[in-house]
Amino acid sequence: PSKETVQRQRALGGALGVLVLAFGLTYHFF
């Protein structure tokens, strides 16, 4: 990855964390 790509990945990091929230809760509770 280039330096610019890494920066874009960091910017998307929070959004990805939110997206996995529903998946993780289902996996955890049921």
PDB file of all heavy atoms in Angstrom:
ATOM      1  N   PRO A   1       0.820  -1.206   0.000  1.00  0.00           N
ATOM      2  CA  PRO A   1       0.000   0.000   0.000  1.00  0.00           C
ATOM      3  C   PRO A   1       0.849   1.250   0.000  1.00  0.00           C
ATOM      4  O   PRO A   1       1.890   1.312   0.631  1.00  0.00           O
ATOM      5  CB  PRO A   1      -0.809  -0.135   1.294  1.00  0.00           C
ATOM      6  CG  PRO A   1       0.045  -0.941   2.180  1.00  0.00           C
ATOM      7  CD  PRO A   1       0.754  -1.896   1.275  1.00  0.00           C
ATOM      8  N   SER A   2       0.372   2.285  -0.732  1.00  0.00           N
ATOM      9  CA  SER A   2       1.034   3.580  -0.693  1.00  0.00           C
ATOM     10  C   SER A   2       0.634   4.319   0.567  1.00  0.00           C
ATOM     11  O   SER A   2      -0.282   3.911   1.288  1.00  0.00           O
ATOM     12  CB  SER A   2       0.655   4.391  -1.934  1.00  0.00           C
ATOM     13  OG  SER A   2      -0.728   4.693  -1.888  1.00  0.00           O
ATOM     14  N   LYS A   3       1.296   5.424   0.810  1.00  0.00           N
ATOM     15  CA  LYS A   3       0.983   6.197   2.004  1.00  0.00           C
ATOM     16  C   LYS A   3      -0.449   6.729   1.936  1.00  0.00           C
ATOM     17  O   LYS A   3      -1.176   6.778   2.936  1.00  0.00           O
ATOM     18  CB  LYS A   3       1.988   7.343   2.110  1.00  0.00           C
ATOM     19  CG  LYS A   3       1.915   8.114   3.418  1.00  0.00           C
ATOM     20  CD  LYS A   3       3.062   9.101   3.518  1.00  0.00           C
ATOM     21  CE  LYS A   3       3.039   9.829   4.854  1.00  0.00           C
ATOM     22  NZ  LYS A   3       4.151  10.796   4.947  1.00  0.00           N
ATOM     23  N   GLU A   4      -0.874   7.128   0.696  1.00  0.00           N
ATOM     24  CA  GLU A   4      -2.231   7.642   0.544  1.00  0.00           C
ATOM     25  C   GLU A   4      -3.259   6.547   0.807  1.00  0.00           C
ATOM     26  O   GLU A   4      -4.313   6.778   1.413  1.00  0.00           O
ATOM     27  CB  GLU A   4      -2.418   8.213  -0.863  1.00  0.00           C
ATOM     28  CG  GLU A   4      -1.603   9.484  -1.112  1.00  0.00           C
ATOM     29  CD  GLU A   4      -0.134   9.192  -1.338  1.00  0.00           C
ATOM     30  OE1 GLU A   4       0.198   8.018  -1.497  1.00  0.00           O
ATOM     31  OE2 GLU A   4       0.665  10.147  -1.345  1.00  0.00           O
ATOM     32  N   THR A   5      -2.968   5.333   0.335  1.00  0.00           N
ATOM     33  CA  THR A   5      -3.892   4.218   0.565  1.00  0.00           C
ATOM     34  C   THR A   5      -4.050   3.940   2.046  1.00  0.00           C
ATOM     35  O   THR A   5      -5.148   3.704   2.552  1.00  0.00           O
ATOM     36  CB  THR A   5      -3.372   2.962  -0.140  1.00  0.00           C
ATOM     37  OG1 THR A   5      -3.267   3.221  -1.529  1.00  0.00           O
ATOM     38  CG2 THR A   5      -4.337   1.792   0.084  1.00  0.00           C
ATOM     39  N   VAL A   6      -2.953   3.975   2.772  1.00  0.00           N
ATOM     40  CA  VAL A   6      -3.009   3.731   4.220  1.00  0.00           C
ATOM     41  C   VAL A   6      -3.867   4.779   4.903  1.00  0.00           C
ATOM     42  O   VAL A   6      -4.657   4.486   5.808  1.00  0.00           O
ATOM     43  CB  VAL A   6      -1.584   3.722   4.802  1.00  0.00           C
ATOM     44  CG1 VAL A   6      -1.641   3.651   6.327  1.00  0.00           C
ATOM     45  CG2 VAL A   6      -0.810   2.535   4.263  1.00  0.00           C
ATOM     46  N   GLN A   7      -3.750   6.046   4.449  1.00  0.00           N
ATOM     47  CA  GLN A   7      -4.555   7.098   5.066  1.00  0.00           C
ATOM     48  C   GLN A   7      -6.039   6.863   4.817  1.00  0.00           C
ATOM     49  O   GLN A   7      -6.886   7.089   5.677  1.00  0.00           O
ATOM     50  CB  GLN A   7      -4.115   8.452   4.523  1.00  0.00           C
ATOM     51  CG  GLN A   7      -2.715   8.864   5.002  1.00  0.00           C
ATOM     52  CD  GLN A   7      -2.228  10.134   4.337  1.00  0.00           C
ATOM     53  OE1 GLN A   7      -2.781  10.558   3.329  1.00  0.00           O
ATOM     54  NE2 GLN A   7      -1.198  10.733   4.892  1.00  0.00           N
ATOM     55  N   ARG A   8      -6.381   6.433   3.566  1.00  0.00           N
ATOM     56  CA  ARG A   8      -7.783   6.137   3.272  1.00  0.00           C
ATOM     57  C   ARG A   8      -8.298   4.978   4.116  1.00  0.00           C
ATOM     58  O   ARG A   8      -9.434   4.968   4.591  1.00  0.00           O
ATOM     59  CB  ARG A   8      -7.939   5.819   1.781  1.00  0.00           C
ATOM     60  CG  ARG A   8      -7.805   7.043   0.883  1.00  0.00           C
ATOM     61  CD  ARG A   8      -8.361   6.744  -0.498  1.00  0.00           C
ATOM     62  NE  ARG A   8      -7.629   5.694  -1.163  1.00  0.00           N
ATOM     63  CZ  ARG A   8      -6.557   5.903  -1.910  1.00  0.00           C
ATOM     64  NH1 ARG A   8      -6.121   7.142  -2.089  1.00  0.00           N
ATOM     65  NH2 ARG A   8      -5.945   4.904  -2.497  1.00  0.00           N
ATOM     66  N   GLN A   9      -7.429   3.983   4.316  1.00  0.00           N
ATOM     67  CA  GLN A   9      -7.822   2.838   5.146  1.00  0.00           C
ATOM     68  C   GLN A   9      -8.096   3.271   6.581  1.00  0.00           C
ATOM     69  O   GLN A   9      -9.024   2.773   7.235  1.00  0.00           O
ATOM     70  CB  GLN A   9      -6.721   1.777   5.113  1.00  0.00           C
ATOM     71  CG  GLN A   9      -6.610   1.082   3.761  1.00  0.00           C
ATOM     72  CD  GLN A   9      -5.425   0.147   3.700  1.00  0.00           C
ATOM     73  OE1 GLN A   9      -4.466   0.334   4.432  1.00  0.00           O
ATOM     74  NE2 GLN A   9      -5.490  -0.851   2.834  1.00  0.00           N
ATOM     75  N   ARG A  10      -7.284   4.175   7.067  1.00  0.00           N
ATOM     76  CA  ARG A  10      -7.508   4.649   8.436  1.00  0.00           C
ATOM     77  C   ARG A  10      -8.847   5.391   8.528  1.00  0.00           C
ATOM     78  O   ARG A  10      -9.581   5.278   9.510  1.00  0.00           O
ATOM     79  CB  ARG A  10      -6.360   5.564   8.858  1.00  0.00           C
ATOM     80  CG  ARG A  10      -5.057   4.803   9.109  1.00  0.00           C
ATOM     81  CD  ARG A  10      -3.922   5.759   9.412  1.00  0.00           C
ATOM     82  NE  ARG A  10      -2.711   5.046   9.736  1.00  0.00           N
ATOM     83  CZ  ARG A  10      -1.541   5.644   9.913  1.00  0.00           C
ATOM     84  NH1 ARG A  10      -1.426   6.945   9.820  1.00  0.00           N
ATOM     85  NH2 ARG A  10      -0.469   4.921  10.217  1.00  0.00           N
ATOM     86  N   ALA A  11      -9.157   6.192   7.473  1.00  0.00           N
ATOM     87  CA  ALA A  11     -10.401   6.952   7.495  1.00  0.00           C
ATOM     88  C   ALA A  11     -11.609   6.036   7.481  1.00  0.00           C
ATOM     89  O   ALA A  11     -12.656   6.323   8.061  1.00  0.00           O
ATOM     90  CB  ALA A  11     -10.452   7.898   6.298  1.00  0.00           C
ATOM     91  N   LEU A  12     -11.458   4.887   6.792  1.00  0.00           N
ATOM     92  CA  LEU A  12     -12.569   3.937   6.721  1.00  0.00           C
ATOM     93  C   LEU A  12     -12.647   3.041   7.949  1.00  0.00           C
ATOM     94  O   LEU A  12     -13.594   2.266   8.101  1.00  0.00           O
ATOM     95  CB  LEU A  12     -12.411   3.066   5.471  1.00  0.00           C
ATOM     96  CG  LEU A  12     -12.611   3.782   4.122  1.00  0.00           C
ATOM     97  CD1 LEU A  12     -12.253   2.862   2.981  1.00  0.00           C
ATOM     98  CD2 LEU A  12     -14.049   4.252   3.977  1.00  0.00           C
ATOM     99  N   GLY A  13     -11.601   3.098   8.794  1.00  0.00           N
ATOM    100  CA  GLY A  13     -11.550   2.180   9.929  1.00  0.00           C
ATOM    101  C   GLY A  13     -12.753   2.278  10.838  1.00  0.00           C
ATOM    102  O   GLY A  13     -13.356   1.271  11.226  1.00  0.00           O
ATOM    103  N   GLY A  14     -13.157   3.522  11.185  1.00  0.00           N
ATOM    104  CA  GLY A  14     -14.300   3.670  12.086  1.00  0.00           C
ATOM    105  C   GLY A  14     -15.585   3.158  11.469  1.00  0.00           C
ATOM    106  O   GLY A  14     -16.389   2.496  12.126  1.00  0.00           O
ATOM    107  N   ALA A  15     -15.773   3.454  10.169  1.00  0.00           N
ATOM    108  CA  ALA A  15     -16.997   2.992   9.503  1.00  0.00           C
ATOM    109  C   ALA A  15     -17.073   1.477   9.491  1.00  0.00           C
ATOM    110  O   ALA A  15     -18.124   0.882   9.719  1.00  0.00           O
ATOM    111  CB  ALA A  15     -17.044   3.547   8.082  1.00  0.00           C
ATOM    112  N   LEU A  16     -15.936   0.848   9.231  1.00  0.00           N
ATOM    113  CA  LEU A  16     -15.920  -0.618   9.240  1.00  0.00           C
ATOM    114  C   LEU A  16     -16.248  -1.155  10.621  1.00  0.00           C
ATOM    115  O   LEU A  16     -16.934  -2.170  10.775  1.00  0.00           O
ATOM    116  CB  LEU A  16     -14.550  -1.121   8.790  1.00  0.00           C
ATOM    117  CG  LEU A  16     -14.216  -0.898   7.308  1.00  0.00           C
ATOM    118  CD1 LEU A  16     -12.787  -1.302   7.024  1.00  0.00           C
ATOM    119  CD2 LEU A  16     -15.184  -1.688   6.429  1.00  0.00           C
ATOM    120  N   GLY A  17     -15.745  -0.461  11.652  1.00  0.00           N
ATOM    121  CA  GLY A  17     -16.041  -0.905  13.019  1.00  0.00           C
ATOM    122  C   GLY A  17     -17.527  -0.860  13.319  1.00  0.00           C
ATOM    123  O   GLY A  17     -18.080  -1.738  13.965  1.00  0.00           O
ATOM    124  N   VAL A  18     -18.217   0.205  12.813  1.00  0.00           N
ATOM    125  CA  VAL A  18     -19.663   0.308  13.045  1.00  0.00           C
ATOM    126  C   VAL A  18     -20.399  -0.784  12.287  1.00  0.00           C
ATOM    127  O   VAL A  18     -21.345  -1.397  12.778  1.00  0.00           O
ATOM    128  CB  VAL A  18     -20.164   1.705  12.619  1.00  0.00           C
ATOM    129  CG1 VAL A  18     -21.684   1.759  12.681  1.00  0.00           C
ATOM    130  CG2 VAL A  18     -19.552   2.775  13.508  1.00  0.00           C
ATOM    131  N   LEU A  19     -19.940  -1.075  11.046  1.00  0.00           N
ATOM    132  CA  LEU A  19     -20.623  -2.072  10.225  1.00  0.00           C
ATOM    133  C   LEU A  19     -20.575  -3.463  10.838  1.00  0.00           C
ATOM    134  O   LEU A  19     -21.486  -4.269  10.659  1.00  0.00           O
ATOM    135  CB  LEU A  19     -20.007  -2.106   8.825  1.00  0.00           C
ATOM    136  CG  LEU A  19     -20.329  -0.906   7.913  1.00  0.00           C
ATOM    137  CD1 LEU A  19     -19.569  -0.999   6.616  1.00  0.00           C
ATOM    138  CD2 LEU A  19     -21.830  -0.856   7.637  1.00  0.00           C
ATOM    139  N   VAL A  20     -19.475  -3.743  11.541  1.00  0.00           N
ATOM    140  CA  VAL A  20     -19.385  -5.092  12.120  1.00  0.00           C
ATOM    141  C   VAL A  20     -20.138  -5.189  13.439  1.00  0.00           C
ATOM    142  O   VAL A  20     -20.217  -6.269  14.034  1.00  0.00           O
ATOM    143  CB  VAL A  20     -17.902  -5.478  12.357  1.00  0.00           C
ATOM    144  CG1 VAL A  20     -17.135  -5.467  11.080  1.00  0.00           C
ATOM    145  CG2 VAL A  20     -17.249  -4.583  13.406  1.00  0.00           C
ATOM    146  N   LEU A  21     -20.703  -4.078  13.936  1.00  0.00           N
ATOM    147  CA  LEU A  21     -21.373  -4.092  15.231  1.00  0.00           C
ATOM    148  C   LEU A  21     -22.540  -5.071  15.248  1.00  0.00           C
ATOM    149  O   LEU A  21     -22.649  -5.929  16.125  1.00  0.00           O
ATOM    150  CB  LEU A  21     -21.859  -2.669  15.572  1.00  0.00           C
ATOM    151  CG  LEU A  21     -22.605  -2.505  16.894  1.00  0.00           C
ATOM    152  CD1 LEU A  21     -21.732  -2.904  18.053  1.00  0.00           C
ATOM    153  CD2 LEU A  21     -23.084  -1.066  17.061  1.00  0.00           C
ATOM    154  N   ALA A  22     -23.445  -4.972  14.243  1.00  0.00           N
ATOM    155  CA  ALA A  22     -24.623  -5.850  14.231  1.00  0.00           C
ATOM    156  C   ALA A  22     -24.209  -7.305  14.083  1.00  0.00           C
ATOM    157  O   ALA A  22     -24.728  -8.189  14.770  1.00  0.00           O
ATOM    158  CB  ALA A  22     -25.562  -5.441  13.091  1.00  0.00           C
ATOM    159  N   PHE A  23     -23.254  -7.544  13.172  1.00  0.00           N
ATOM    160  CA  PHE A  23     -22.770  -8.917  12.979  1.00  0.00           C
ATOM    161  C   PHE A  23     -22.203  -9.503  14.276  1.00  0.00           C
ATOM    162  O   PHE A  23     -22.507 -10.615  14.667  1.00  0.00           O
ATOM    163  CB  PHE A  23     -21.697  -8.916  11.893  1.00  0.00           C
ATOM    164  CG  PHE A  23     -20.806 -10.120  11.925  1.00  0.00           C
ATOM    165  CD1 PHE A  23     -21.258 -11.358  11.488  1.00  0.00           C
ATOM    166  CD2 PHE A  23     -19.511 -10.015  12.417  1.00  0.00           C
ATOM    167  CE1 PHE A  23     -20.430 -12.449  11.536  1.00  0.00           C
ATOM    168  CE2 PHE A  23     -18.697 -11.111  12.468  1.00  0.00           C
ATOM    169  CZ  PHE A  23     -19.167 -12.338  12.018  1.00  0.00           C
ATOM    170  N   GLY A  24     -21.382  -8.729  14.952  1.00  0.00           N
ATOM    171  CA  GLY A  24     -20.739  -9.232  16.166  1.00  0.00           C
ATOM    172  C   GLY A  24     -21.721  -9.495  17.282  1.00  0.00           C
ATOM    173  O   GLY A  24     -21.585 -10.468  18.032  1.00  0.00           O
ATOM    174  N   LEU A  25     -22.722  -8.619  17.434  1.00  0.00           N
ATOM    175  CA  LEU A  25     -23.701  -8.828  18.497  1.00  0.00           C
ATOM    176  C   LEU A  25     -24.484 -10.120  18.288  1.00  0.00           C
ATOM    177  O   LEU A  25     -24.734 -10.886  19.224  1.00  0.00           O
ATOM    178  CB  LEU A  25     -24.659  -7.640  18.559  1.00  0.00           C
ATOM    179  CG  LEU A  25     -24.080  -6.356  19.200  1.00  0.00           C
ATOM    180  CD1 LEU A  25     -25.025  -5.190  18.996  1.00  0.00           C
ATOM    181  CD2 LEU A  25     -23.799  -6.585  20.671  1.00  0.00           C
ATOM    182  N   THR A  26     -24.870 -10.364  17.032  1.00  0.00           N
ATOM    183  CA  THR A  26     -25.592 -11.623  16.763  1.00  0.00           C
ATOM    184  C   THR A  26     -24.704 -12.815  17.081  1.00  0.00           C
ATOM    185  O   THR A  26     -25.116 -13.790  17.723  1.00  0.00           O
ATOM    186  CB  THR A  26     -26.012 -11.678  15.283  1.00  0.00           C
ATOM    187  OG1 THR A  26     -26.867 -10.585  15.018  1.00  0.00           O
ATOM    188  CG2 THR A  26     -26.749 -12.976  14.981  1.00  0.00           C
ATOM    189  N   TYR A  27     -23.457 -12.724  16.624  1.00  0.00           N
ATOM    190  CA  TYR A  27     -22.535 -13.835  16.853  1.00  0.00           C
ATOM    191  C   TYR A  27     -22.315 -14.069  18.342  1.00  0.00           C
ATOM    192  O   TYR A  27     -22.194 -15.188  18.815  1.00  0.00           O
ATOM    193  CB  TYR A  27     -21.208 -13.530  16.163  1.00  0.00           C
ATOM    194  CG  TYR A  27     -20.199 -14.647  16.262  1.00  0.00           C
ATOM    195  CD1 TYR A  27     -20.200 -15.693  15.353  1.00  0.00           C
ATOM    196  CD2 TYR A  27     -19.248 -14.644  17.282  1.00  0.00           C
ATOM    197  CE1 TYR A  27     -19.286 -16.718  15.451  1.00  0.00           C
ATOM    198  CE2 TYR A  27     -18.343 -15.666  17.395  1.00  0.00           C
ATOM    199  CZ  TYR A  27     -18.359 -16.710  16.465  1.00  0.00           C
ATOM    200  OH  TYR A  27     -17.455 -17.720  16.570  1.00  0.00           O
ATOM    201  N   HIS A  28     -22.264 -12.954  19.098  1.00  0.00           N
ATOM    202  CA  HIS A  28     -21.985 -13.074  20.532  1.00  0.00           C
ATOM    203  C   HIS A  28     -23.182 -13.611  21.312  1.00  0.00           C
ATOM    204  O   HIS A  28     -23.074 -14.565  22.079  1.00  0.00           O
ATOM    205  CB  HIS A  28     -21.589 -11.708  21.079  1.00  0.00           C
ATOM    206  CG  HIS A  28     -21.551 -11.673  22.585  1.00  0.00           C
ATOM    207  ND1 HIS A  28     -20.735 -12.488  23.321  1.00  0.00           N
ATOM    208  CD2 HIS A  28     -22.252 -10.917  23.465  1.00  0.00           C
ATOM    209  CE1 HIS A  28     -20.925 -12.247  24.600  1.00  0.00           C
ATOM    210  NE2 HIS A  28     -21.836 -11.303  24.712  1.00  0.00           N
ATOM    211  N   PHE A  29     -24.356 -12.987  21.106  1.00  0.00           N
ATOM    212  CA  PHE A  29     -25.499 -13.337  21.945  1.00  0.00           C
ATOM    213  C   PHE A  29     -26.188 -14.628  21.515  1.00  0.00           C
ATOM    214  O   PHE A  29     -26.722 -15.371  22.323  1.00  0.00           O
ATOM    215  CB  PHE A  29     -26.518 -12.188  21.934  1.00  0.00           C
ATOM    216  CG  PHE A  29     -25.984 -10.930  22.581  1.00  0.00           C
ATOM    217  CD1 PHE A  29     -25.913  -9.740  21.880  1.00  0.00           C
ATOM    218  CD2 PHE A  29     -25.536 -10.956  23.893  1.00  0.00           C
ATOM    219  CE1 PHE A  29     -25.419  -8.602  22.476  1.00  0.00           C
ATOM    220  CE2 PHE A  29     -25.052  -9.818  24.488  1.00  0.00           C
ATOM    221  CZ  PHE A  29     -24.990  -8.632  23.785  1.00  0.00           C
ATOM    222  N   PHE A  30     -26.197 -14.871  20.212  1.00  0.00           N
ATOM    223  CA  PHE A  30     -26.919 -16.052  19.719  1.00  0.00           C
ATOM    224  C   PHE A  30     -26.070 -16.802  18.696  1.00  0.00           C
ATOM    225  O   PHE A  30     -26.381 -16.840  17.498  1.00  0.00           O
ATOM    226  CB  PHE A  30     -28.266 -15.637  19.099  1.00  0.00           C
ATOM    227  CG  PHE A  30     -29.123 -14.856  20.054  1.00  0.00           C
ATOM    228  CD1 PHE A  30     -29.180 -13.474  19.965  1.00  0.00           C
ATOM    229  CD2 PHE A  30     -29.820 -15.507  21.061  1.00  0.00           C
ATOM    230  CE1 PHE A  30     -29.941 -12.747  20.859  1.00  0.00           C
ATOM    231  CE2 PHE A  30     -30.586 -14.772  21.953  1.00  0.00           C
ATOM    232  CZ  PHE A  30     -30.645 -13.395  21.866  1.00  0.00           C
TER     233      PHE A  30
END
